[in-house]
Amino acid sequence: MAGVERDRELRRRRHRAKKLAILEKKAAKATKADKPVIIEKLRKLTPGANILIERWGLKA
């Protein structure tokens, strides 16, 4: 077995947090062409993407 479910859940959460931090940095420097790509990645990554898109000012 690959570990306790809670451990896998926490690992997924930590990985998602790291990815969100990276995407936030990229969003700050993003050009108009990059913004739709970042928005798409956010939507695939987390169900709360719409809130983050507004907060980060990525309205494309």
C-alpha atoms as a PDB file:
ATOM      1  CA  MET A   1       0.000   0.000   0.000  1.00  0.00           C
ATOM      2  CA  ALA A   2       1.183   3.513  -0.834  1.00  0.00           C
ATOM      3  CA  GLY A   3       0.432   5.043   2.550  1.00  0.00           C
ATOM      4  CA  VAL A   4      -2.452   6.297   4.550  1.00  0.00           C
ATOM      5  CA  GLU A   5      -5.082   8.243   2.616  1.00  0.00           C
ATOM      6  CA  ARG A   6      -4.621  11.273   4.855  1.00  0.00           C
ATOM      7  CA  ASP A   7      -0.907  11.384   3.997  1.00  0.00           C
ATOM      8  CA  ARG A   8      -1.693  11.320   0.278  1.00  0.00           C
ATOM      9  CA  GLU A   9      -4.311  14.019   0.771  1.00  0.00           C
ATOM     10  CA  LEU A  10      -1.824  16.271   2.577  1.00  0.00           C
ATOM     11  CA  ARG A  11       0.823  15.650  -0.067  1.00  0.00           C
ATOM     12  CA  ARG A  12      -1.635  16.673  -2.798  1.00  0.00           C
ATOM     13  CA  ARG A  13      -2.566  19.804  -0.846  1.00  0.00           C
ATOM     14  CA  ARG A  14       1.069  20.814  -0.343  1.00  0.00           C
ATOM     15  CA  HIS A  15       1.875  20.213  -3.993  1.00  0.00           C
ATOM     16  CA  ARG A  16      -1.141  22.293  -5.049  1.00  0.00           C
ATOM     17  CA  ALA A  17      -0.038  25.121  -2.740  1.00  0.00           C
ATOM     18  CA  LYS A  18       3.445  25.110  -4.297  1.00  0.00           C
ATOM     19  CA  LYS A  19       1.998  25.164  -7.801  1.00  0.00           C
ATOM     20  CA  LEU A  20      -0.332  28.022  -6.883  1.00  0.00           C
ATOM     21  CA  ALA A  21       2.602  30.036  -5.546  1.00  0.00           C
ATOM     22  CA  ILE A  22       4.491  29.502  -8.800  1.00  0.00           C
ATOM     23  CA  LEU A  23       1.450  30.459 -10.891  1.00  0.00           C
ATOM     24  CA  GLU A  24       0.892  33.572  -8.789  1.00  0.00           C
ATOM     25  CA  LYS A  25       4.441  34.757  -9.477  1.00  0.00           C
ATOM     26  CA  LYS A  26       4.000  34.075 -13.188  1.00  0.00           C
ATOM     27  CA  ALA A  27       0.638  35.870 -13.206  1.00  0.00           C
ATOM     28  CA  ALA A  28       2.244  39.018 -11.803  1.00  0.00           C
ATOM     29  CA  LYS A  29       4.636  39.153 -14.784  1.00  0.00           C
ATOM     30  CA  ALA A  30       2.223  37.768 -17.378  1.00  0.00           C
ATOM     31  CA  THR A  31       1.655  39.364 -20.747  1.00  0.00           C
ATOM     32  CA  LYS A  32      -1.749  39.397 -22.408  1.00  0.00           C
ATOM     33  CA  ALA A  33      -0.869  36.232 -24.311  1.00  0.00           C
ATOM     34  CA  ASP A  34       0.207  34.382 -21.141  1.00  0.00           C
ATOM     35  CA  LYS A  35      -2.872  35.161 -19.070  1.00  0.00           C
ATOM     36  CA  PRO A  36      -5.279  32.700 -20.779  1.00  0.00           C
ATOM     37  CA  VAL A  37      -2.721  29.912 -20.338  1.00  0.00           C
ATOM     38  CA  ILE A  38      -2.387  30.664 -16.618  1.00  0.00           C
ATOM     39  CA  ILE A  39      -6.171  30.853 -16.248  1.00  0.00           C
ATOM     40  CA  GLU A  40      -6.561  27.452 -17.905  1.00  0.00           C
ATOM     41  CA  LYS A  41      -3.942  25.896 -15.615  1.00  0.00           C
ATOM     42  CA  LEU A  42      -5.636  27.400 -12.553  1.00  0.00           C
ATOM     43  CA  ARG A  43      -9.009  25.968 -13.564  1.00  0.00           C
ATOM     44  CA  LYS A  44      -7.500  22.506 -13.977  1.00  0.00           C
ATOM     45  CA  LEU A  45      -5.652  22.745 -10.673  1.00  0.00           C
ATOM     46  CA  THR A  46      -8.281  23.900  -8.198  1.00  0.00           C
ATOM     47  CA  PRO A  47     -12.063  24.247  -7.884  1.00  0.00           C
ATOM     48  CA  GLY A  48     -11.622  27.723  -6.353  1.00  0.00           C
ATOM     49  CA  ALA A  49      -9.994  29.032  -9.521  1.00  0.00           C
ATOM     50  CA  ASN A  50     -12.562  31.767 -10.184  1.00  0.00           C
ATOM     51  CA  ILE A  51     -11.810  33.415  -6.851  1.00  0.00           C
ATOM     52  CA  LEU A  52      -8.067  33.304  -7.533  1.00  0.00           C
ATOM     53  CA  ILE A  53      -8.526  34.670 -11.053  1.00  0.00           C
ATOM     54  CA  GLU A  54     -10.351  37.693  -9.655  1.00  0.00           C
ATOM     55  CA  ARG A  55      -7.904  38.155  -6.788  1.00  0.00           C
ATOM     56  CA  TRP A  56      -4.877  38.021  -9.087  1.00  0.00           C
ATOM     57  CA  GLY A  57      -6.459  40.331 -11.665  1.00  0.00           C
ATOM     58  CA  LEU A  58      -6.342  37.843 -14.527  1.00  0.00           C
ATOM     59  CA  LYS A  59      -9.630  38.749 -16.174  1.00  0.00           C
ATOM     60  CA  ALA A  60      -8.812  37.965 -19.796  1.00  0.00           C
END
